[in-house]
Amino acid sequence: MEPNRREFIKQCAFQKFCNTVLHNEACDAHKELHRHKAKEITFSDLTLEEARQLHTFDEYFKGETAFERAGKKITPSCFLKQSVLCRKKSAKPYSCTISRE
């Protein structure tokens, strides 16, 4: 049984279409890589002023808000110090003592 010529032509046309799409996608990806590479700068090539713009400093507990519990004033920094102390076996949990104001 001989294959249908029309089906064979359709199959060849579809295969050519798929190959063309894949080729164009590969070319686009290659061009995009070159565009990115042209825009990229290594950290060692940055000036000191440009490098300073890339970092931030976190300011924890700035303008602390305190609350009172059992007549004691509790602040976030006190709570942080206590949680560090609690990691030691000898420290009592939640025993942060602060003078009353």
N, C-alpha and C. Protein backbone atom coordinates (compact mmCIF):
# COMPACT_ATOMS: atom_id res chain seq x y z
N MET A 1 0.84 -1.16 0.00
CA MET A 1 0.00 0.00 0.00
C MET A 1 0.90 1.24 0.00
N GLU A 2 0.68 2.09 -0.97
CA GLU A 2 1.48 3.30 -1.14
C GLU A 2 0.87 4.43 -0.31
N PRO A 3 1.73 5.21 0.42
CA PRO A 3 1.18 6.29 1.24
C PRO A 3 0.54 7.37 0.38
N ASN A 4 -0.46 7.99 0.94
CA ASN A 4 -1.18 9.05 0.25
C ASN A 4 -0.26 10.25 0.07
N ARG A 5 -0.12 10.71 -1.19
CA ARG A 5 0.80 11.81 -1.50
C ARG A 5 0.37 13.09 -0.78
N ARG A 6 -0.89 13.36 -0.70
CA ARG A 6 -1.39 14.58 -0.06
C ARG A 6 -1.03 14.60 1.44
N GLU A 7 -1.18 13.46 2.12
CA GLU A 7 -0.82 13.36 3.53
C GLU A 7 0.68 13.59 3.73
N PHE A 8 1.48 13.04 2.81
CA PHE A 8 2.92 13.21 2.89
C PHE A 8 3.31 14.69 2.73
N ILE A 9 2.66 15.39 1.83
CA ILE A 9 2.94 16.82 1.62
C ILE A 9 2.54 17.61 2.86
N LYS A 10 1.39 17.29 3.47
CA LYS A 10 0.96 17.95 4.69
C LYS A 10 1.96 17.73 5.81
N GLN A 11 2.43 16.50 5.93
CA GLN A 11 3.38 16.17 6.98
C GLN A 11 4.70 16.93 6.78
N CYS A 12 5.16 17.02 5.56
CA CYS A 12 6.40 17.76 5.26
C CYS A 12 6.22 19.24 5.55
N ALA A 13 5.09 19.81 5.19
CA ALA A 13 4.83 21.23 5.43
C ALA A 13 4.78 21.51 6.94
N PHE A 14 4.14 20.63 7.69
CA PHE A 14 4.06 20.81 9.14
C PHE A 14 5.45 20.69 9.78
N GLN A 15 6.25 19.75 9.30
CA GLN A 15 7.60 19.59 9.83
C GLN A 15 8.45 20.83 9.52
N LYS A 16 8.30 21.38 8.34
CA LYS A 16 9.03 22.60 7.97
C LYS A 16 8.59 23.76 8.87
N PHE A 17 7.28 23.87 9.12
CA PHE A 17 6.77 24.92 10.00
C PHE A 17 7.36 24.79 11.40
N CYS A 18 7.38 23.56 11.94
CA CYS A 18 7.92 23.33 13.29
C CYS A 18 9.40 23.68 13.35
N ASN A 19 10.16 23.28 12.34
CA ASN A 19 11.58 23.60 12.30
C ASN A 19 11.82 25.10 12.21
N THR A 20 11.00 25.80 11.46
CA THR A 20 11.13 27.25 11.33
C THR A 20 10.84 27.93 12.65
N VAL A 21 9.80 27.50 13.35
CA VAL A 21 9.46 28.07 14.66
C VAL A 21 10.59 27.85 15.65
N LEU A 22 11.12 26.64 15.71
CA LEU A 22 12.22 26.34 16.62
C LEU A 22 13.47 27.16 16.29
N HIS A 23 13.75 27.30 15.01
CA HIS A 23 14.91 28.09 14.59
C HIS A 23 14.75 29.56 15.00
N ASN A 24 13.56 30.11 14.79
CA ASN A 24 13.32 31.52 15.15
C ASN A 24 13.40 31.72 16.67
N GLU A 25 12.88 30.77 17.44
CA GLU A 25 12.97 30.87 18.90
C GLU A 25 14.42 30.82 19.36
N ALA A 26 15.22 29.95 18.75
CA ALA A 26 16.63 29.86 19.11
C ALA A 26 17.36 31.16 18.78
N CYS A 27 17.03 31.75 17.64
CA CYS A 27 17.65 33.03 17.26
C CYS A 27 17.25 34.13 18.23
N ASP A 28 15.98 34.18 18.62
CA ASP A 28 15.52 35.19 19.58
C ASP A 28 16.21 35.04 20.93
N ALA A 29 16.34 33.80 21.39
CA ALA A 29 17.00 33.56 22.67
C ALA A 29 18.47 33.98 22.60
N HIS A 30 19.12 33.71 21.49
CA HIS A 30 20.52 34.09 21.32
C HIS A 30 20.67 35.61 21.32
N LYS A 31 19.79 36.30 20.62
CA LYS A 31 19.83 37.78 20.59
C LYS A 31 19.58 38.35 21.98
N GLU A 32 18.64 37.77 22.72
CA GLU A 32 18.32 38.26 24.05
C GLU A 32 19.51 38.07 25.00
N LEU A 33 20.20 36.95 24.88
CA LEU A 33 21.40 36.74 25.70
C LEU A 33 22.46 37.79 25.40
N HIS A 34 22.63 38.13 24.15
CA HIS A 34 23.60 39.17 23.79
C HIS A 34 23.19 40.53 24.31
N ARG A 35 21.88 40.83 24.28
CA ARG A 35 21.40 42.12 24.81
C ARG A 35 21.66 42.21 26.31
N HIS A 36 21.36 41.13 27.04
CA HIS A 36 21.60 41.12 28.48
C HIS A 36 23.08 41.25 28.81
N LYS A 37 23.89 40.53 28.05
CA LYS A 37 25.33 40.57 28.30
C LYS A 37 25.90 41.97 28.06
N ALA A 38 25.35 42.67 27.09
CA ALA A 38 25.82 44.04 26.79
C ALA A 38 25.45 45.00 27.91
N LYS A 39 24.35 44.74 28.63
CA LYS A 39 23.90 45.64 29.70
C LYS A 39 24.47 45.27 31.07
N GLU A 40 24.98 44.05 31.24
CA GLU A 40 25.45 43.60 32.54
C GLU A 40 26.80 44.22 32.90
N ILE A 41 26.95 44.49 34.21
CA ILE A 41 28.20 45.04 34.73
C ILE A 41 28.58 44.21 35.95
N THR A 42 29.84 43.87 36.08
CA THR A 42 30.28 43.14 37.26
C THR A 42 30.41 44.12 38.43
N PHE A 43 30.34 43.60 39.65
CA PHE A 43 30.42 44.46 40.83
C PHE A 43 31.77 45.16 40.90
N SER A 44 32.82 44.52 40.42
CA SER A 44 34.14 45.15 40.48
C SER A 44 34.25 46.33 39.52
N ASP A 45 33.39 46.38 38.51
CA ASP A 45 33.41 47.50 37.56
C ASP A 45 32.62 48.70 38.04
N LEU A 46 31.84 48.55 39.13
CA LEU A 46 31.03 49.66 39.63
C LEU A 46 31.92 50.68 40.34
N THR A 47 31.53 51.94 40.25
CA THR A 47 32.22 52.96 41.02
C THR A 47 31.74 52.84 42.47
N LEU A 48 32.48 53.48 43.37
CA LEU A 48 32.14 53.40 44.78
C LEU A 48 30.76 54.01 45.04
N GLU A 49 30.46 55.08 44.36
CA GLU A 49 29.15 55.73 44.53
C GLU A 49 28.01 54.83 44.04
N GLU A 50 28.21 54.14 42.92
CA GLU A 50 27.18 53.22 42.42
C GLU A 50 27.02 52.03 43.35
N ALA A 51 28.11 51.54 43.90
CA ALA A 51 28.03 50.41 44.82
C ALA A 51 27.29 50.79 46.10
N ARG A 52 27.46 52.01 46.57
CA ARG A 52 26.77 52.45 47.78
C ARG A 52 25.26 52.53 47.58
N GLN A 53 24.82 52.72 46.36
CA GLN A 53 23.38 52.80 46.09
C GLN A 53 22.71 51.43 46.15
N LEU A 54 23.49 50.36 46.15
CA LEU A 54 22.93 49.02 46.11
C LEU A 54 22.68 48.40 47.48
N HIS A 55 23.05 49.08 48.56
CA HIS A 55 22.85 48.48 49.87
C HIS A 55 21.94 49.35 50.74
N THR A 56 21.38 48.71 51.74
CA THR A 56 20.53 49.41 52.70
C THR A 56 20.93 49.01 54.10
N PHE A 57 20.55 49.82 55.06
CA PHE A 57 20.78 49.50 56.45
C PHE A 57 19.42 49.40 57.13
N ASP A 58 19.16 48.27 57.77
CA ASP A 58 17.92 48.08 58.50
C ASP A 58 18.04 48.75 59.86
N GLU A 59 17.00 49.43 60.23
CA GLU A 59 16.98 50.11 61.53
C GLU A 59 15.88 49.48 62.38
N TYR A 60 16.29 48.48 63.16
CA TYR A 60 15.33 47.79 63.99
C TYR A 60 15.07 48.57 65.26
N PHE A 61 13.89 48.52 65.73
CA PHE A 61 13.46 49.11 66.99
C PHE A 61 13.66 50.62 67.03
N LYS A 62 13.62 51.26 65.89
CA LYS A 62 13.70 52.72 65.87
C LYS A 62 12.31 53.23 66.22
N GLY A 63 12.24 54.08 67.20
CA GLY A 63 10.94 54.57 67.66
C GLY A 63 10.14 53.45 68.29
N GLU A 64 10.75 52.76 69.25
CA GLU A 64 10.11 51.61 69.87
C GLU A 64 8.78 51.98 70.54
N THR A 65 7.88 51.07 70.46
CA THR A 65 6.64 51.21 71.20
C THR A 65 6.67 50.18 72.32
N ALA A 66 6.35 50.61 73.50
CA ALA A 66 6.40 49.72 74.66
C ALA A 66 4.98 49.45 75.15
N PHE A 67 4.82 48.32 75.79
CA PHE A 67 3.55 48.02 76.42
C PHE A 67 3.85 47.48 77.81
N GLU A 68 2.85 47.55 78.67
CA GLU A 68 3.04 47.11 80.05
C GLU A 68 2.29 45.82 80.30
N ARG A 69 2.94 44.94 81.04
CA ARG A 69 2.33 43.69 81.43
C ARG A 69 2.76 43.42 82.86
N ALA A 70 1.84 43.24 83.72
CA ALA A 70 2.10 42.99 85.14
C ALA A 70 2.93 44.11 85.75
N GLY A 71 2.68 45.33 85.32
CA GLY A 71 3.37 46.49 85.89
C GLY A 71 4.78 46.70 85.38
N LYS A 72 5.21 45.92 84.41
CA LYS A 72 6.55 46.07 83.85
C LYS A 72 6.46 46.55 82.41
N LYS A 73 7.37 47.43 82.07
CA LYS A 73 7.41 47.98 80.72
C LYS A 73 8.21 47.03 79.83
N ILE A 74 7.61 46.62 78.73
CA ILE A 74 8.26 45.68 77.82
C ILE A 74 8.42 46.35 76.46
N THR A 75 9.65 46.31 75.97
CA THR A 75 9.95 46.88 74.65
C THR A 75 10.45 45.75 73.75
N PRO A 76 10.40 45.95 72.43
CA PRO A 76 10.90 44.92 71.52
C PRO A 76 12.38 44.59 71.75
N SER A 77 13.20 45.60 72.08
CA SER A 77 14.63 45.30 72.30
C SER A 77 14.81 44.46 73.55
N CYS A 78 14.01 44.70 74.58
CA CYS A 78 14.07 43.88 75.78
C CYS A 78 13.68 42.45 75.46
N PHE A 79 12.64 42.29 74.67
CA PHE A 79 12.19 40.96 74.29
C PHE A 79 13.26 40.23 73.49
N LEU A 80 13.94 40.96 72.59
CA LEU A 80 15.01 40.36 71.80
C LEU A 80 16.17 39.93 72.68
N LYS A 81 16.57 40.79 73.63
CA LYS A 81 17.66 40.43 74.54
C LYS A 81 17.29 39.19 75.34
N GLN A 82 16.04 39.12 75.79
CA GLN A 82 15.61 37.98 76.59
C GLN A 82 15.59 36.71 75.77
N SER A 83 15.19 36.80 74.52
CA SER A 83 15.16 35.58 73.69
C SER A 83 16.57 35.06 73.46
N VAL A 84 17.56 35.97 73.41
CA VAL A 84 18.95 35.53 73.29
C VAL A 84 19.39 34.86 74.58
N LEU A 85 19.00 35.43 75.71
CA LEU A 85 19.35 34.84 77.00
C LEU A 85 18.69 33.48 77.20
N CYS A 86 17.49 33.31 76.67
CA CYS A 86 16.77 32.06 76.86
C CYS A 86 17.44 30.89 76.16
N ARG A 87 18.30 31.19 75.23
CA ARG A 87 19.02 30.12 74.55
C ARG A 87 20.04 29.47 75.48
N LYS A 88 20.47 30.23 76.46
CA LYS A 88 21.37 29.67 77.46
C LYS A 88 20.53 28.85 78.44
N LYS A 89 21.07 27.76 78.92
CA LYS A 89 20.29 26.88 79.80
C LYS A 89 20.03 27.49 81.17
N SER A 90 20.92 28.38 81.61
CA SER A 90 20.76 28.92 82.96
C SER A 90 19.74 30.05 83.05
N ALA A 91 19.35 30.61 81.92
CA ALA A 91 18.43 31.75 81.95
C ALA A 91 17.00 31.30 82.19
N LYS A 92 16.25 32.12 82.89
CA LYS A 92 14.84 31.85 83.11
C LYS A 92 14.04 32.45 81.95
N PRO A 93 13.14 31.72 81.37
CA PRO A 93 12.36 32.27 80.26
C PRO A 93 11.43 33.39 80.73
N TYR A 94 11.34 34.43 79.93
CA TYR A 94 10.45 35.56 80.15
C TYR A 94 10.68 36.23 81.49
N SER A 95 11.93 36.40 81.86
CA SER A 95 12.22 37.06 83.13
C SER A 95 12.90 38.41 82.92
N CYS A 96 12.46 39.13 81.93
CA CYS A 96 13.04 40.42 81.60
C CYS A 96 12.60 41.43 82.65
N THR A 97 13.55 41.97 83.38
CA THR A 97 13.20 42.94 84.42
C THR A 97 13.62 44.33 83.97
N ILE A 98 12.69 45.22 84.03
CA ILE A 98 12.95 46.61 83.66
C ILE A 98 12.39 47.48 84.75
N SER A 99 13.14 48.52 85.04
CA SER A 99 12.66 49.42 86.09
C SER A 99 11.41 50.13 85.63
N ARG A 100 10.50 50.36 86.55
CA ARG A 100 9.24 51.04 86.24
C ARG A 100 9.51 52.53 86.08
N GLU A 101 8.85 53.09 85.10
CA GLU A 101 9.02 54.54 84.86
C GLU A 101 7.72 55.25 85.06
